[in-house]
Amino acid sequence: MTQDEERVQDETRAQYRFLIINIARIIGAVMLVLGLAVIAREAFGLPKAAGYVLFLVGMIDFLLVPVFLSKRWKSTPKP
């Protein structure tokens, strides 16, 4: 494998990782909104307890999962 092919492969991997991190944030935001809707209006026929669970899981997914993935996938700089 040539150096250019390795560079292209690294860039593609970085793009996929960036996409996954952003998808995790979007899913977390959606869960937050759904949780708030259930808490405020008991939407979708769910009890408030389910809304609190959705809100908590959404908060974790929105705030902590992207940080965890970024640290796990952080690469060392090449000379």
N, C-alpha and C. Protein backbone atom coordinates (compact mmCIF):
# COMPACT_ATOMS: atom_id res chain seq x y z
N MET A 1 0.86 -1.18 0.00
CA MET A 1 0.00 0.00 0.00
C MET A 1 0.90 1.24 0.00
N THR A 2 0.60 2.15 -0.89
CA THR A 2 1.42 3.36 -0.98
C THR A 2 1.00 4.36 0.10
N GLN A 3 1.83 5.38 0.22
CA GLN A 3 1.57 6.40 1.24
C GLN A 3 0.29 7.17 0.93
N ASP A 4 0.02 7.43 -0.34
CA ASP A 4 -1.20 8.13 -0.72
C ASP A 4 -2.44 7.30 -0.40
N GLU A 5 -2.37 6.01 -0.63
CA GLU A 5 -3.51 5.14 -0.32
C GLU A 5 -3.77 5.10 1.18
N GLU A 6 -2.70 5.08 1.97
CA GLU A 6 -2.86 5.09 3.43
C GLU A 6 -3.49 6.40 3.89
N ARG A 7 -3.06 7.51 3.28
CA ARG A 7 -3.62 8.81 3.66
C ARG A 7 -5.10 8.88 3.32
N VAL A 8 -5.48 8.39 2.15
CA VAL A 8 -6.89 8.38 1.75
C VAL A 8 -7.70 7.49 2.68
N GLN A 9 -7.14 6.34 3.03
CA GLN A 9 -7.84 5.42 3.94
C GLN A 9 -8.01 6.06 5.32
N ASP A 10 -6.99 6.77 5.82
CA ASP A 10 -7.09 7.45 7.10
C ASP A 10 -8.15 8.56 7.06
N GLU A 11 -8.20 9.31 5.96
CA GLU A 11 -9.19 10.37 5.83
C GLU A 11 -10.61 9.80 5.77
N THR A 12 -10.77 8.70 5.07
CA THR A 12 -12.09 8.06 4.99
C THR A 12 -12.53 7.57 6.36
N ARG A 13 -11.61 6.96 7.10
CA ARG A 13 -11.92 6.49 8.45
C ARG A 13 -12.31 7.66 9.35
N ALA A 14 -11.60 8.78 9.23
CA ALA A 14 -11.91 9.96 10.04
C ALA A 14 -13.29 10.51 9.69
N GLN A 15 -13.65 10.50 8.41
CA GLN A 15 -14.96 10.99 8.00
C GLN A 15 -16.07 10.11 8.57
N TYR A 16 -15.88 8.80 8.54
CA TYR A 16 -16.89 7.89 9.10
C TYR A 16 -17.02 8.09 10.61
N ARG A 17 -15.91 8.26 11.28
CA ARG A 17 -15.96 8.48 12.73
C ARG A 17 -16.66 9.79 13.06
N PHE A 18 -16.39 10.82 12.29
CA PHE A 18 -17.07 12.11 12.49
C PHE A 18 -18.57 11.96 12.30
N LEU A 19 -18.96 11.21 11.28
CA LEU A 19 -20.37 10.96 11.01
C LEU A 19 -21.03 10.21 12.17
N ILE A 20 -20.38 9.20 12.70
CA ILE A 20 -20.94 8.43 13.81
C ILE A 20 -21.09 9.30 15.06
N ILE A 21 -20.11 10.15 15.33
CA ILE A 21 -20.19 11.04 16.49
C ILE A 21 -21.38 11.99 16.34
N ASN A 22 -21.57 12.54 15.16
CA ASN A 22 -22.70 13.46 14.94
C ASN A 22 -24.04 12.74 14.98
N ILE A 23 -24.10 11.53 14.50
CA ILE A 23 -25.35 10.75 14.59
C ILE A 23 -25.68 10.48 16.05
N ALA A 24 -24.67 10.19 16.86
CA ALA A 24 -24.90 9.97 18.30
C ALA A 24 -25.47 11.24 18.94
N ARG A 25 -24.94 12.39 18.57
CA ARG A 25 -25.46 13.66 19.11
C ARG A 25 -26.90 13.90 18.68
N ILE A 26 -27.20 13.64 17.43
CA ILE A 26 -28.56 13.86 16.93
C ILE A 26 -29.55 12.94 17.62
N ILE A 27 -29.19 11.67 17.77
CA ILE A 27 -30.07 10.72 18.46
C ILE A 27 -30.28 11.16 19.91
N GLY A 28 -29.22 11.63 20.55
CA GLY A 28 -29.35 12.12 21.92
C GLY A 28 -30.28 13.32 22.01
N ALA A 29 -30.18 14.23 21.07
CA ALA A 29 -31.05 15.41 21.06
C ALA A 29 -32.51 15.01 20.85
N VAL A 30 -32.75 14.06 19.96
CA VAL A 30 -34.12 13.59 19.72
C VAL A 30 -34.68 12.94 20.98
N MET A 31 -33.86 12.14 21.65
CA MET A 31 -34.32 11.50 22.88
C MET A 31 -34.62 12.54 23.96
N LEU A 32 -33.80 13.59 24.03
CA LEU A 32 -34.06 14.67 24.99
C LEU A 32 -35.41 15.32 24.72
N VAL A 33 -35.68 15.64 23.48
CA VAL A 33 -36.95 16.30 23.14
C VAL A 33 -38.13 15.39 23.42
N LEU A 34 -38.00 14.12 23.04
CA LEU A 34 -39.10 13.17 23.32
C LEU A 34 -39.32 13.01 24.82
N GLY A 35 -38.23 12.94 25.57
CA GLY A 35 -38.35 12.84 27.02
C GLY A 35 -39.05 14.04 27.62
N LEU A 36 -38.69 15.23 27.14
CA LEU A 36 -39.36 16.44 27.64
C LEU A 36 -40.83 16.47 27.26
N ALA A 37 -41.16 15.99 26.07
CA ALA A 37 -42.57 15.95 25.65
C ALA A 37 -43.36 15.00 26.54
N VAL A 38 -42.77 13.88 26.87
CA VAL A 38 -43.47 12.92 27.73
C VAL A 38 -43.61 13.48 29.14
N ILE A 39 -42.58 14.14 29.63
CA ILE A 39 -42.64 14.71 30.99
C ILE A 39 -43.69 15.81 31.06
N ALA A 40 -43.72 16.69 30.06
CA ALA A 40 -44.61 17.85 30.11
C ALA A 40 -46.06 17.50 29.80
N ARG A 41 -46.30 16.65 28.82
CA ARG A 41 -47.66 16.41 28.34
C ARG A 41 -48.09 14.95 28.38
N GLU A 42 -47.22 14.08 28.90
CA GLU A 42 -47.48 12.64 28.85
C GLU A 42 -47.82 12.22 27.42
N ALA A 43 -46.99 12.69 26.50
CA ALA A 43 -47.18 12.40 25.08
C ALA A 43 -46.99 10.92 24.80
N PHE A 44 -47.58 10.46 23.73
CA PHE A 44 -47.47 9.08 23.26
C PHE A 44 -48.04 8.07 24.25
N GLY A 45 -48.79 8.54 25.23
CA GLY A 45 -49.41 7.65 26.19
C GLY A 45 -48.42 7.02 27.17
N LEU A 46 -47.24 7.61 27.30
CA LEU A 46 -46.22 7.08 28.20
C LEU A 46 -46.29 7.78 29.55
N PRO A 47 -45.97 7.08 30.62
CA PRO A 47 -45.95 7.72 31.94
C PRO A 47 -44.75 8.66 32.07
N LYS A 48 -44.82 9.55 33.05
CA LYS A 48 -43.75 10.51 33.25
C LYS A 48 -42.42 9.83 33.57
N ALA A 49 -42.47 8.69 34.23
CA ALA A 49 -41.23 7.97 34.55
C ALA A 49 -40.47 7.59 33.28
N ALA A 50 -41.20 7.19 32.26
CA ALA A 50 -40.56 6.87 30.98
C ALA A 50 -39.95 8.12 30.36
N GLY A 51 -40.59 9.26 30.55
CA GLY A 51 -40.05 10.52 30.06
C GLY A 51 -38.74 10.88 30.74
N TYR A 52 -38.67 10.66 32.05
CA TYR A 52 -37.43 10.93 32.77
C TYR A 52 -36.31 10.00 32.32
N VAL A 53 -36.64 8.75 32.06
CA VAL A 53 -35.64 7.80 31.57
C VAL A 53 -35.15 8.22 30.19
N LEU A 54 -36.08 8.57 29.29
CA LEU A 54 -35.69 9.05 27.96
C LEU A 54 -34.82 10.30 28.05
N PHE A 55 -35.19 11.20 28.92
CA PHE A 55 -34.43 12.44 29.09
C PHE A 55 -33.02 12.14 29.59
N LEU A 56 -32.90 11.27 30.58
CA LEU A 56 -31.59 10.94 31.16
C LEU A 56 -30.70 10.23 30.14
N VAL A 57 -31.26 9.24 29.45
CA VAL A 57 -30.48 8.51 28.44
C VAL A 57 -30.10 9.45 27.29
N GLY A 58 -31.01 10.33 26.90
CA GLY A 58 -30.70 11.30 25.85
C GLY A 58 -29.60 12.26 26.27
N MET A 59 -29.62 12.68 27.53
CA MET A 59 -28.59 13.58 28.03
C MET A 59 -27.22 12.90 28.01
N ILE A 60 -27.19 11.66 28.45
CA ILE A 60 -25.93 10.91 28.43
C ILE A 60 -25.45 10.73 26.99
N ASP A 61 -26.38 10.37 26.11
CA ASP A 61 -26.02 10.16 24.71
C ASP A 61 -25.55 11.45 24.05
N PHE A 62 -26.16 12.56 24.39
CA PHE A 62 -25.82 13.84 23.78
C PHE A 62 -24.49 14.39 24.31
N LEU A 63 -24.23 14.21 25.60
CA LEU A 63 -23.05 14.84 26.19
C LEU A 63 -21.84 13.91 26.33
N LEU A 64 -22.05 12.68 26.73
CA LEU A 64 -20.92 11.83 27.07
C LEU A 64 -20.46 10.89 25.97
N VAL A 65 -21.36 10.37 25.18
CA VAL A 65 -20.98 9.40 24.15
C VAL A 65 -20.03 10.02 23.12
N PRO A 66 -20.27 11.23 22.60
CA PRO A 66 -19.31 11.80 21.65
C PRO A 66 -17.92 12.02 22.26
N VAL A 67 -17.87 12.42 23.52
CA VAL A 67 -16.57 12.61 24.18
C VAL A 67 -15.85 11.28 24.32
N PHE A 68 -16.58 10.25 24.74
CA PHE A 68 -15.99 8.92 24.88
C PHE A 68 -15.46 8.42 23.53
N LEU A 69 -16.26 8.55 22.48
CA LEU A 69 -15.83 8.09 21.16
C LEU A 69 -14.63 8.89 20.65
N SER A 70 -14.61 10.19 20.89
CA SER A 70 -13.48 11.01 20.45
C SER A 70 -12.19 10.59 21.13
N LYS A 71 -12.26 10.34 22.43
CA LYS A 71 -11.06 9.92 23.15
C LYS A 71 -10.61 8.53 22.72
N ARG A 72 -11.58 7.66 22.47
CA ARG A 72 -11.24 6.29 22.06
C ARG A 72 -10.60 6.26 20.68
N TRP A 73 -11.05 7.13 19.78
CA TRP A 73 -10.58 7.11 18.41
C TRP A 73 -9.45 8.11 18.14
N LYS A 74 -9.00 8.81 19.17
CA LYS A 74 -7.97 9.80 18.95
C LYS A 74 -6.69 9.13 18.45
N SER A 75 -6.14 9.68 17.41
CA SER A 75 -4.93 9.10 16.84
C SER A 75 -3.71 9.90 17.26
N THR A 76 -2.59 9.24 17.21
CA THR A 76 -1.35 9.93 17.53
C THR A 76 -0.87 10.65 16.27
N PRO A 77 -0.33 11.86 16.44
CA PRO A 77 0.14 12.60 15.27
C PRO A 77 1.31 11.89 14.60
N LYS A 78 1.31 11.91 13.28
CA LYS A 78 2.40 11.28 12.53
C LYS A 78 3.46 12.31 12.25
N PRO A 79 4.73 11.91 12.35
CA PRO A 79 5.83 12.87 12.09
C PRO A 79 5.94 13.27 10.65
